[in-house]
Amino acid sequence: MTLAVHLAKGLPAGFALDVSFLAESGVTILFGASGSGKTTILRCVAALAQPDAGPSAMGDGALFNSESGVRVPVPQRRIGYVFQQLALFPHLTVADN
């Protein structure tokens, strides 16, 4: 299933992110210089942040569309996200985390 993303998001210090890409099924890796918008892209695709504009879709289903008001909630997106920061619960075992 193809992930089709076009998103725009204004960020502090006048940085404006405007990106489009297609990602086929499987693992997709974003890489680039520090501050280039990689985390913002991932947060928007995973619905942890909302883009200012643009459509995003997985297969035939819209994930986000600023014009039509579509915003599929996080649990319904079936997109994995691995945080950069350590986010383990200290009271759980490794397997439970």
PDB file of N, CA and C in Angstrom:
ATOM      1  N   MET A   1       0.847  -1.163   0.000  1.00  0.00           N
ATOM      2  CA  MET A   1       0.000   0.000   0.000  1.00  0.00           C
ATOM      3  C   MET A   1       0.902   1.239   0.000  1.00  0.00           C
ATOM      4  N   THR A   2       0.586   2.192  -0.806  1.00  0.00           N
ATOM      5  CA  THR A   2       1.408   3.395  -0.947  1.00  0.00           C
ATOM      6  C   THR A   2       0.954   4.488   0.013  1.00  0.00           C
ATOM      7  N   LEU A   3       1.919   5.121   0.649  1.00  0.00           N
ATOM      8  CA  LEU A   3       1.676   6.301   1.471  1.00  0.00           C
ATOM      9  C   LEU A   3       2.013   7.515   0.617  1.00  0.00           C
ATOM     10  N   ALA A   4       1.035   8.365   0.375  1.00  0.00           N
ATOM     11  CA  ALA A   4       1.223   9.581  -0.422  1.00  0.00           C
ATOM     12  C   ALA A   4       1.107  10.775   0.505  1.00  0.00           C
ATOM     13  N   VAL A   5       2.170  11.564   0.592  1.00  0.00           N
ATOM     14  CA  VAL A   5       2.204  12.690   1.521  1.00  0.00           C
ATOM     15  C   VAL A   5       2.507  13.980   0.779  1.00  0.00           C
ATOM     16  N   HIS A   6       1.724  14.985   1.058  1.00  0.00           N
ATOM     17  CA  HIS A   6       2.061  16.364   0.700  1.00  0.00           C
ATOM     18  C   HIS A   6       1.640  17.183   1.903  1.00  0.00           C
ATOM     19  N   LEU A   7       2.587  17.838   2.528  1.00  0.00           N
ATOM     20  CA  LEU A   7       2.236  18.632   3.688  1.00  0.00           C
ATOM     21  C   LEU A   7       3.045  19.911   3.738  1.00  0.00           C
ATOM     22  N   ALA A   8       2.436  20.901   4.335  1.00  0.00           N
ATOM     23  CA  ALA A   8       3.091  22.183   4.582  1.00  0.00           C
ATOM     24  C   ALA A   8       2.863  22.528   6.039  1.00  0.00           C
ATOM     25  N   LYS A   9       3.906  23.022   6.680  1.00  0.00           N
ATOM     26  CA  LYS A   9       3.802  23.414   8.083  1.00  0.00           C
ATOM     27  C   LYS A   9       4.802  24.513   8.356  1.00  0.00           C
ATOM     28  N   GLY A  10       4.311  25.600   8.909  1.00  0.00           N
ATOM     29  CA  GLY A  10       5.182  26.681   9.335  1.00  0.00           C
ATOM     30  C   GLY A  10       5.737  26.380  10.713  1.00  0.00           C
ATOM     31  N   LEU A  11       7.000  26.679  10.896  1.00  0.00           N
ATOM     32  CA  LEU A  11       7.673  26.409  12.167  1.00  0.00           C
ATOM     33  C   LEU A  11       8.332  27.689  12.676  1.00  0.00           C
ATOM     34  N   PRO A  12       8.771  27.690  13.938  1.00  0.00           N
ATOM     35  CA  PRO A  12       9.415  28.883  14.494  1.00  0.00           C
ATOM     36  C   PRO A  12      10.634  29.329  13.682  1.00  0.00           C
ATOM     37  N   ALA A  13      10.994  30.553  13.863  1.00  0.00           N
ATOM     38  CA  ALA A  13      12.159  31.166  13.201  1.00  0.00           C
ATOM     39  C   ALA A  13      11.983  31.265  11.691  1.00  0.00           C
ATOM     40  N   GLY A  14      10.729  31.254  11.224  1.00  0.00           N
ATOM     41  CA  GLY A  14      10.469  31.456   9.806  1.00  0.00           C
ATOM     42  C   GLY A  14      10.697  30.250   8.925  1.00  0.00           C
ATOM     43  N   PHE A  15      10.976  29.082   9.496  1.00  0.00           N
ATOM     44  CA  PHE A  15      11.187  27.876   8.705  1.00  0.00           C
ATOM     45  C   PHE A  15       9.848  27.368   8.203  1.00  0.00           C
ATOM     46  N   ALA A  16       9.739  27.151   6.917  1.00  0.00           N
ATOM     47  CA  ALA A  16       8.503  26.631   6.324  1.00  0.00           C
ATOM     48  C   ALA A  16       8.795  25.294   5.668  1.00  0.00           C
ATOM     49  N   LEU A  17       8.153  24.267   6.160  1.00  0.00           N
ATOM     50  CA  LEU A  17       8.312  22.922   5.617  1.00  0.00           C
ATOM     51  C   LEU A  17       7.251  22.705   4.553  1.00  0.00           C
ATOM     52  N   ASP A  18       7.664  22.265   3.378  1.00  0.00           N
ATOM     53  CA  ASP A  18       6.747  21.946   2.281  1.00  0.00           C
ATOM     54  C   ASP A  18       7.329  20.733   1.576  1.00  0.00           C
ATOM     55  N   VAL A  19       6.701  19.579   1.739  1.00  0.00           N
ATOM     56  CA  VAL A  19       7.291  18.332   1.255  1.00  0.00           C
ATOM     57  C   VAL A  19       6.229  17.439   0.622  1.00  0.00           C
ATOM     58  N   SER A  20       6.640  16.707  -0.407  1.00  0.00           N
ATOM     59  CA  SER A  20       5.786  15.715  -1.052  1.00  0.00           C
ATOM     60  C   SER A  20       6.614  14.470  -1.314  1.00  0.00           C
ATOM     61  N   PHE A  21       6.028  13.299  -1.056  1.00  0.00           N
ATOM     62  CA  PHE A  21       6.708  12.049  -1.387  1.00  0.00           C
ATOM     63  C   PHE A  21       5.714  10.901  -1.423  1.00  0.00           C
ATOM     64  N   LEU A  22       6.114   9.826  -2.073  1.00  0.00           N
ATOM     65  CA  LEU A  22       5.383   8.557  -2.087  1.00  0.00           C
ATOM     66  C   LEU A  22       6.269   7.516  -1.435  1.00  0.00           C
ATOM     67  N   ALA A  23       5.704   6.693  -0.573  1.00  0.00           N
ATOM     68  CA  ALA A  23       6.454   5.615   0.068  1.00  0.00           C
ATOM     69  C   ALA A  23       5.679   4.319  -0.132  1.00  0.00           C
ATOM     70  N   GLU A  24       6.321   3.340  -0.731  1.00  0.00           N
ATOM     71  CA  GLU A  24       5.691   2.038  -0.947  1.00  0.00           C
ATOM     72  C   GLU A  24       5.665   1.254   0.358  1.00  0.00           C
ATOM     73  N   SER A  25       4.950   0.150   0.395  1.00  0.00           N
ATOM     74  CA  SER A  25       4.856  -0.697   1.581  1.00  0.00           C
ATOM     75  C   SER A  25       6.234  -1.095   2.068  1.00  0.00           C
ATOM     76  N   GLY A  26       6.363  -1.232   3.381  1.00  0.00           N
ATOM     77  CA  GLY A  26       7.628  -1.643   3.976  1.00  0.00           C
ATOM     78  C   GLY A  26       8.174  -0.552   4.868  1.00  0.00           C
ATOM     79  N   VAL A  27       9.463  -0.602   5.079  1.00  0.00           N
ATOM     80  CA  VAL A  27      10.137   0.366   5.947  1.00  0.00           C
ATOM     81  C   VAL A  27      10.573   1.561   5.115  1.00  0.00           C
ATOM     82  N   THR A  28      10.277   2.735   5.615  1.00  0.00           N
ATOM     83  CA  THR A  28      10.713   3.972   4.965  1.00  0.00           C
ATOM     84  C   THR A  28      11.571   4.738   5.946  1.00  0.00           C
ATOM     85  N   ILE A  29      12.696   5.252   5.484  1.00  0.00           N
ATOM     86  CA  ILE A  29      13.618   5.996   6.332  1.00  0.00           C
ATOM     87  C   ILE A  29      13.782   7.394   5.776  1.00  0.00           C
ATOM     88  N   LEU A  30      13.638   8.376   6.640  1.00  0.00           N
ATOM     89  CA  LEU A  30      13.928   9.759   6.276  1.00  0.00           C
ATOM     90  C   LEU A  30      15.286  10.114   6.845  1.00  0.00           C
ATOM     91  N   PHE A  31      16.119  10.732   6.042  1.00  0.00           N
ATOM     92  CA  PHE A  31      17.402  11.181   6.566  1.00  0.00           C
ATOM     93  C   PHE A  31      17.709  12.548   5.990  1.00  0.00           C
ATOM     94  N   GLY A  32      18.482  13.307   6.745  1.00  0.00           N
ATOM     95  CA  GLY A  32      18.853  14.653   6.326  1.00  0.00           C
ATOM     96  C   GLY A  32      19.531  15.370   7.471  1.00  0.00           C
ATOM     97  N   ALA A  33      19.901  16.593   7.221  1.00  0.00           N
ATOM     98  CA  ALA A  33      20.614  17.395   8.208  1.00  0.00           C
ATOM     99  C   ALA A  33      19.731  17.690   9.417  1.00  0.00           C
ATOM    100  N   SER A  34      20.370  17.940  10.535  1.00  0.00           N
ATOM    101  CA  SER A  34      19.658  18.326  11.746  1.00  0.00           C
ATOM    102  C   SER A  34      18.860  19.601  11.474  1.00  0.00           C
ATOM    103  N   GLY A  35      17.592  19.586  11.863  1.00  0.00           N
ATOM    104  CA  GLY A  35      16.749  20.759  11.673  1.00  0.00           C
ATOM    105  C   GLY A  35      16.080  20.854  10.319  1.00  0.00           C
ATOM    106  N   SER A  36      16.186  19.794   9.512  1.00  0.00           N
ATOM    107  CA  SER A  36      15.625  19.846   8.158  1.00  0.00           C
ATOM    108  C   SER A  36      14.143  19.486   8.096  1.00  0.00           C
ATOM    109  N   GLY A  37      13.555  19.026   9.218  1.00  0.00           N
ATOM    110  CA  GLY A  37      12.129  18.745   9.260  1.00  0.00           C
ATOM    111  C   GLY A  37      11.748  17.280   9.305  1.00  0.00           C
ATOM    112  N   LYS A  38      12.706  16.377   9.478  1.00  0.00           N
ATOM    113  CA  LYS A  38      12.422  14.943   9.486  1.00  0.00           C
ATOM    114  C   LYS A  38      11.409  14.570  10.570  1.00  0.00           C
ATOM    115  N   THR A  39      11.652  15.007  11.778  1.00  0.00           N
ATOM    116  CA  THR A  39      10.758  14.670  12.884  1.00  0.00           C
ATOM    117  C   THR A  39       9.389  15.293  12.684  1.00  0.00           C
ATOM    118  N   THR A  40       9.332  16.502  12.184  1.00  0.00           N
ATOM    119  CA  THR A  40       8.046  17.156  11.926  1.00  0.00           C
ATOM    120  C   THR A  40       7.249  16.379  10.890  1.00  0.00           C
ATOM    121  N   ILE A  41       7.900  15.913   9.840  1.00  0.00           N
ATOM    122  CA  ILE A  41       7.224  15.097   8.823  1.00  0.00           C
ATOM    123  C   ILE A  41       6.645  13.842   9.463  1.00  0.00           C
ATOM    124  N   LEU A  42       7.458  13.132  10.232  1.00  0.00           N
ATOM    125  CA  LEU A  42       7.006  11.900  10.871  1.00  0.00           C
ATOM    126  C   LEU A  42       5.866  12.161  11.845  1.00  0.00           C
ATOM    127  N   ARG A  43       5.964  13.233  12.622  1.00  0.00           N
ATOM    128  CA  ARG A  43       4.895  13.566  13.567  1.00  0.00           C
ATOM    129  C   ARG A  43       3.589  13.880  12.836  1.00  0.00           C
ATOM    130  N   CYS A  44       3.675  14.556  11.710  1.00  0.00           N
ATOM    131  CA  CYS A  44       2.468  14.874  10.937  1.00  0.00           C
ATOM    132  C   CYS A  44       1.858  13.625  10.312  1.00  0.00           C
ATOM    133  N   VAL A  45       2.679  12.747   9.773  1.00  0.00           N
ATOM    134  CA  VAL A  45       2.175  11.511   9.162  1.00  0.00           C
ATOM    135  C   VAL A  45       1.527  10.612  10.223  1.00  0.00           C
ATOM    136  N   ALA A  46       2.112  10.580  11.428  1.00  0.00           N
ATOM    137  CA  ALA A  46       1.572   9.753  12.510  1.00  0.00           C
ATOM    138  C   ALA A  46       0.426  10.423  13.265  1.00  0.00           C
ATOM    139  N   ALA A  47       0.065  11.649  12.907  1.00  0.00           N
ATOM    140  CA  ALA A  47      -1.012  12.433  13.530  1.00  0.00           C
ATOM    141  C   ALA A  47      -0.663  12.909  14.935  1.00  0.00           C
ATOM    142  N   LEU A  48       0.622  12.996  15.253  1.00  0.00           N
ATOM    143  CA  LEU A  48       1.048  13.552  16.532  1.00  0.00           C
ATOM    144  C   LEU A  48       1.182  15.073  16.435  1.00  0.00           C
ATOM    145  N   ALA A  49       1.182  15.577  15.210  1.00  0.00           N
ATOM    146  CA  ALA A  49       1.160  17.024  14.929  1.00  0.00           C
ATOM    147  C   ALA A  49       0.277  17.202  13.703  1.00  0.00           C
ATOM    148  N   GLN A  50      -0.307  18.372  13.572  1.00  0.00           N
ATOM    149  CA  GLN A  50      -1.187  18.621  12.429  1.00  0.00           C
ATOM    150  C   GLN A  50      -0.523  19.565  11.442  1.00  0.00           C
ATOM    151  N   PRO A  51      -0.457  19.175  10.170  1.00  0.00           N
ATOM    152  CA  PRO A  51       0.090  20.080   9.154  1.00  0.00           C
ATOM    153  C   PRO A  51      -0.820  21.301   9.001  1.00  0.00           C
ATOM    154  N   ASP A  52      -0.276  22.361   8.450  1.00  0.00           N
ATOM    155  CA  ASP A  52      -1.082  23.545   8.144  1.00  0.00           C
ATOM    156  C   ASP A  52      -1.913  23.307   6.896  1.00  0.00           C
ATOM    157  N   ALA A  53      -1.370  22.545   5.965  1.00  0.00           N
ATOM    158  CA  ALA A  53      -2.065  22.299   4.701  1.00  0.00           C
ATOM    159  C   ALA A  53      -1.576  21.002   4.088  1.00  0.00           C
ATOM    160  N   GLY A  54      -2.383  20.491   3.174  1.00  0.00           N
ATOM    161  CA  GLY A  54      -1.976  19.353   2.378  1.00  0.00           C
ATOM    162  C   GLY A  54      -2.818  18.127   2.577  1.00  0.00           C
ATOM    163  N   PRO A  55      -2.818  17.261   1.584  1.00  0.00           N
ATOM    164  CA  PRO A  55      -3.443  15.956   1.722  1.00  0.00           C
ATOM    165  C   PRO A  55      -2.395  14.873   1.984  1.00  0.00           C
ATOM    166  N   SER A  56      -2.766  13.880   2.757  1.00  0.00           N
ATOM    167  CA  SER A  56      -1.962  12.677   2.948  1.00  0.00           C
ATOM    168  C   SER A  56      -2.917  11.498   2.862  1.00  0.00           C
ATOM    169  N   ALA A  57      -2.471  10.429   2.228  1.00  0.00           N
ATOM    170  CA  ALA A  57      -3.332   9.262   2.061  1.00  0.00           C
ATOM    171  C   ALA A  57      -2.512   7.987   2.132  1.00  0.00           C
ATOM    172  N   MET A  58      -3.166   6.905   2.561  1.00  0.00           N
ATOM    173  CA  MET A  58      -2.558   5.587   2.525  1.00  0.00           C
ATOM    174  C   MET A  58      -3.467   4.717   1.674  1.00  0.00           C
ATOM    175  N   GLY A  59      -2.934   4.260   0.547  1.00  0.00           N
ATOM    176  CA  GLY A  59      -3.770   3.537  -0.398  1.00  0.00           C
ATOM    177  C   GLY A  59      -4.836   4.480  -0.919  1.00  0.00           C
ATOM    178  N   ASP A  60      -6.078   4.036  -0.860  1.00  0.00           N
ATOM    179  CA  ASP A  60      -7.189   4.862  -1.323  1.00  0.00           C
ATOM    180  C   ASP A  60      -7.818   5.696  -0.209  1.00  0.00           C
ATOM    181  N   GLY A  61      -7.323   5.550   1.032  1.00  0.00           N
ATOM    182  CA  GLY A  61      -7.939   6.243   2.165  1.00  0.00           C
ATOM    183  C   GLY A  61      -7.187   7.484   2.585  1.00  0.00           C
ATOM    184  N   ALA A  62      -7.888   8.581   2.716  1.00  0.00           N
ATOM    185  CA  ALA A  62      -7.281   9.836   3.168  1.00  0.00           C
ATOM    186  C   ALA A  62      -6.919   9.722   4.648  1.00  0.00           C
ATOM    187  N   LEU A  63      -5.723  10.201   5.009  1.00  0.00           N
ATOM    188  CA  LEU A  63      -5.304  10.304   6.404  1.00  0.00           C
ATOM    189  C   LEU A  63      -5.534  11.718   6.917  1.00  0.00           C
ATOM    190  N   PHE A  64      -5.240  12.691   6.049  1.00  0.00           N
ATOM    191  CA  PHE A  64      -5.384  14.104   6.397  1.00  0.00           C
ATOM    192  C   PHE A  64      -5.669  14.876   5.123  1.00  0.00           C
ATOM    193  N   ASN A  65      -6.585  15.822   5.225  1.00  0.00           N
ATOM    194  CA  ASN A  65      -6.845  16.731   4.112  1.00  0.00           C
ATOM    195  C   ASN A  65      -7.340  18.037   4.703  1.00  0.00           C
ATOM    196  N   SER A  66      -6.536  19.075   4.557  1.00  0.00           N
ATOM    197  CA  SER A  66      -6.883  20.356   5.160  1.00  0.00           C
ATOM    198  C   SER A  66      -8.102  20.992   4.514  1.00  0.00           C
ATOM    199  N   GLU A  67      -8.334  20.716   3.244  1.00  0.00           N
ATOM    200  CA  GLU A  67      -9.474  21.328   2.547  1.00  0.00           C
ATOM    201  C   GLU A  67     -10.805  20.667   2.908  1.00  0.00           C
ATOM    202  N   SER A  68     -10.828  19.339   3.029  1.00  0.00           N
ATOM    203  CA  SER A  68     -12.083  18.647   3.323  1.00  0.00           C
ATOM    204  C   SER A  68     -12.282  18.381   4.815  1.00  0.00           C
ATOM    205  N   GLY A  69     -11.253  18.667   5.625  1.00  0.00           N
ATOM    206  CA  GLY A  69     -11.388  18.482   7.069  1.00  0.00           C
ATOM    207  C   GLY A  69     -11.137  17.075   7.562  1.00  0.00           C
ATOM    208  N   VAL A  70     -10.588  16.198   6.738  1.00  0.00           N
ATOM    209  CA  VAL A  70     -10.296  14.819   7.146  1.00  0.00           C
ATOM    210  C   VAL A  70      -9.071  14.817   8.057  1.00  0.00           C
ATOM    211  N   ARG A  71      -9.189  14.143   9.197  1.00  0.00           N
ATOM    212  CA  ARG A  71      -8.046  13.943  10.096  1.00  0.00           C
ATOM    213  C   ARG A  71      -8.254  12.628  10.827  1.00  0.00           C
ATOM    214  N   VAL A  72      -7.694  11.558  10.287  1.00  0.00           N
ATOM    215  CA  VAL A  72      -7.841  10.221  10.866  1.00  0.00           C
ATOM    216  C   VAL A  72      -7.056  10.171  12.180  1.00  0.00           C
ATOM    217  N   PRO A  73      -7.684   9.701  13.274  1.00  0.00           N
ATOM    218  CA  PRO A  73      -7.011   9.641  14.566  1.00  0.00           C
ATOM    219  C   PRO A  73      -5.821   8.684  14.567  1.00  0.00           C
ATOM    220  N   VAL A  74      -4.914   8.912  15.500  1.00  0.00           N
ATOM    221  CA  VAL A  74      -3.679   8.124  15.621  1.00  0.00           C
ATOM    222  C   VAL A  74      -3.927   6.619  15.581  1.00  0.00           C
ATOM    223  N   PRO A  75      -4.814   6.054  16.420  1.00  0.00           N
ATOM    224  CA  PRO A  75      -4.958   4.587  16.457  1.00  0.00           C
ATOM    225  C   PRO A  75      -5.467   3.973  15.157  1.00  0.00           C
ATOM    226  N   GLN A  76      -6.133   4.750  14.322  1.00  0.00           N
ATOM    227  CA  GLN A  76      -6.694   4.221  13.087  1.00  0.00           C
ATOM    228  C   GLN A  76      -5.733   4.325  11.906  1.00  0.00           C
ATOM    229  N   ARG A  77      -4.570   4.910  12.088  1.00  0.00           N
ATOM    230  CA  ARG A  77      -3.634   5.117  10.970  1.00  0.00           C
ATOM    231  C   ARG A  77      -2.771   3.905  10.658  1.00  0.00           C
ATOM    232  N   ARG A  78      -2.558   3.021  11.592  1.00  0.00           N
ATOM    233  CA  ARG A  78      -1.721   1.833  11.391  1.00  0.00           C
ATOM    234  C   ARG A  78      -0.324   2.218  10.895  1.00  0.00           C
ATOM    235  N   ILE A  79       0.246   3.220  11.540  1.00  0.00           N
ATOM    236  CA  ILE A  79       1.587   3.701  11.220  1.00  0.00           C
ATOM    237  C   ILE A  79       2.424   3.593  12.484  1.00  0.00           C
ATOM    238  N   GLY A  80       3.593   2.938  12.379  1.00  0.00           N
ATOM    239  CA  GLY A  80       4.490   2.826  13.517  1.00  0.00           C
ATOM    240  C   GLY A  80       5.367   4.061  13.636  1.00  0.00           C
ATOM    241  N   TYR A  81       5.686   4.431  14.861  1.00  0.00           N
ATOM    242  CA  TYR A  81       6.517   5.610  15.123  1.00  0.00           C
ATOM    243  C   TYR A  81       7.440   5.282  16.276  1.00  0.00           C
ATOM    244  N   VAL A  82       8.737   5.467  16.091  1.00  0.00           N
ATOM    245  CA  VAL A  82       9.710   5.219  17.148  1.00  0.00           C
ATOM    246  C   VAL A  82      10.249   6.575  17.589  1.00  0.00           C
ATOM    247  N   PHE A  83      10.052   6.904  18.864  1.00  0.00           N
ATOM    248  CA  PHE A  83      10.483   8.196  19.385  1.00  0.00           C
ATOM    249  C   PHE A  83      12.004   8.267  19.487  1.00  0.00           C
ATOM    250  N   GLN A  84      12.545   9.463  19.308  1.00  0.00           N
ATOM    251  CA  GLN A  84      13.987   9.671  19.428  1.00  0.00           C
ATOM    252  C   GLN A  84      14.438   9.604  20.876  1.00  0.00           C
ATOM    253  N   GLN A  85      13.629  10.133  21.775  1.00  0.00           N
ATOM    254  CA  GLN A  85      13.985  10.178  23.184  1.00  0.00           C
ATOM    255  C   GLN A  85      13.587   8.875  23.868  1.00  0.00           C
ATOM    256  N   LEU A  86      14.295   8.567  24.910  1.00  0.00           N
ATOM    257  CA  LEU A  86      13.973   7.395  25.703  1.00  0.00           C
ATOM    258  C   LEU A  86      12.583   7.575  26.294  1.00  0.00           C
ATOM    259  N   ALA A  87      11.692   6.649  26.033  1.00  0.00           N
ATOM    260  CA  ALA A  87      10.315   6.783  26.504  1.00  0.00           C
ATOM    261  C   ALA A  87       9.834   5.502  27.172  1.00  0.00           C
ATOM    262  N   LEU A  88      10.698   4.875  27.960  1.00  0.00           N
ATOM    263  CA  LEU A  88      10.311   3.648  28.644  1.00  0.00           C
ATOM    264  C   LEU A  88       9.691   3.970  29.998  1.00  0.00           C
ATOM    265  N   PHE A  89       8.778   3.119  30.434  1.00  0.00           N
ATOM    266  CA  PHE A  89       8.196   3.264  31.750  1.00  0.00           C
ATOM    267  C   PHE A  89       9.085   2.526  32.747  1.00  0.00           C
ATOM    268  N   PRO A  90       9.601   3.217  33.768  1.00  0.00           N
ATOM    269  CA  PRO A  90      10.560   2.587  34.687  1.00  0.00           C
ATOM    270  C   PRO A  90       9.967   1.454  35.520  1.00  0.00           C
ATOM    271  N   HIS A  91       8.653   1.421  35.709  1.00  0.00           N
ATOM    272  CA  HIS A  91       8.040   0.376  36.526  1.00  0.00           C
ATOM    273  C   HIS A  91       7.739  -0.887  35.727  1.00  0.00           C
ATOM    274  N   LEU A  92       7.995  -0.894  34.399  1.00  0.00           N
ATOM    275  CA  LEU A  92       7.731  -2.064  33.558  1.00  0.00           C
ATOM    276  C   LEU A  92       9.032  -2.743  33.147  1.00  0.00           C
ATOM    277  N   THR A  93       8.928  -4.028  32.852  1.00  0.00           N
ATOM    278  CA  THR A  93      10.077  -4.754  32.356  1.00  0.00           C
ATOM    279  C   THR A  93      10.331  -4.352  30.899  1.00  0.00           C
ATOM    280  N   VAL A  94      11.436  -4.784  30.348  1.00  0.00           N
ATOM    281  CA  VAL A  94      11.745  -4.502  28.943  1.00  0.00           C
ATOM    282  C   VAL A  94      10.655  -5.073  28.051  1.00  0.00           C
ATOM    283  N   ALA A  95      10.240  -6.300  28.297  1.00  0.00           N
ATOM    284  CA  ALA A  95       9.197  -6.931  27.478  1.00  0.00           C
ATOM    285  C   ALA A  95       7.872  -6.178  27.596  1.00  0.00           C
ATOM    286  N   ASP A  96       7.535  -5.695  28.772  1.00  0.00           N
ATOM    287  CA  ASP A  96       6.278  -4.964  28.956  1.00  0.00           C
ATOM    288  C   ASP A  96       6.305  -3.603  28.258  1.00  0.00           C
ATOM    289  N   ASN A  97       7.443  -2.965  28.246  1.00  0.00           N
ATOM    290  CA  ASN A  97       7.568  -1.691  27.528  1.00  0.00           C
ATOM    291  C   ASN A  97       7.426  -1.917  26.041  1.00  0.00           C
TER     292      ASN A  97
END
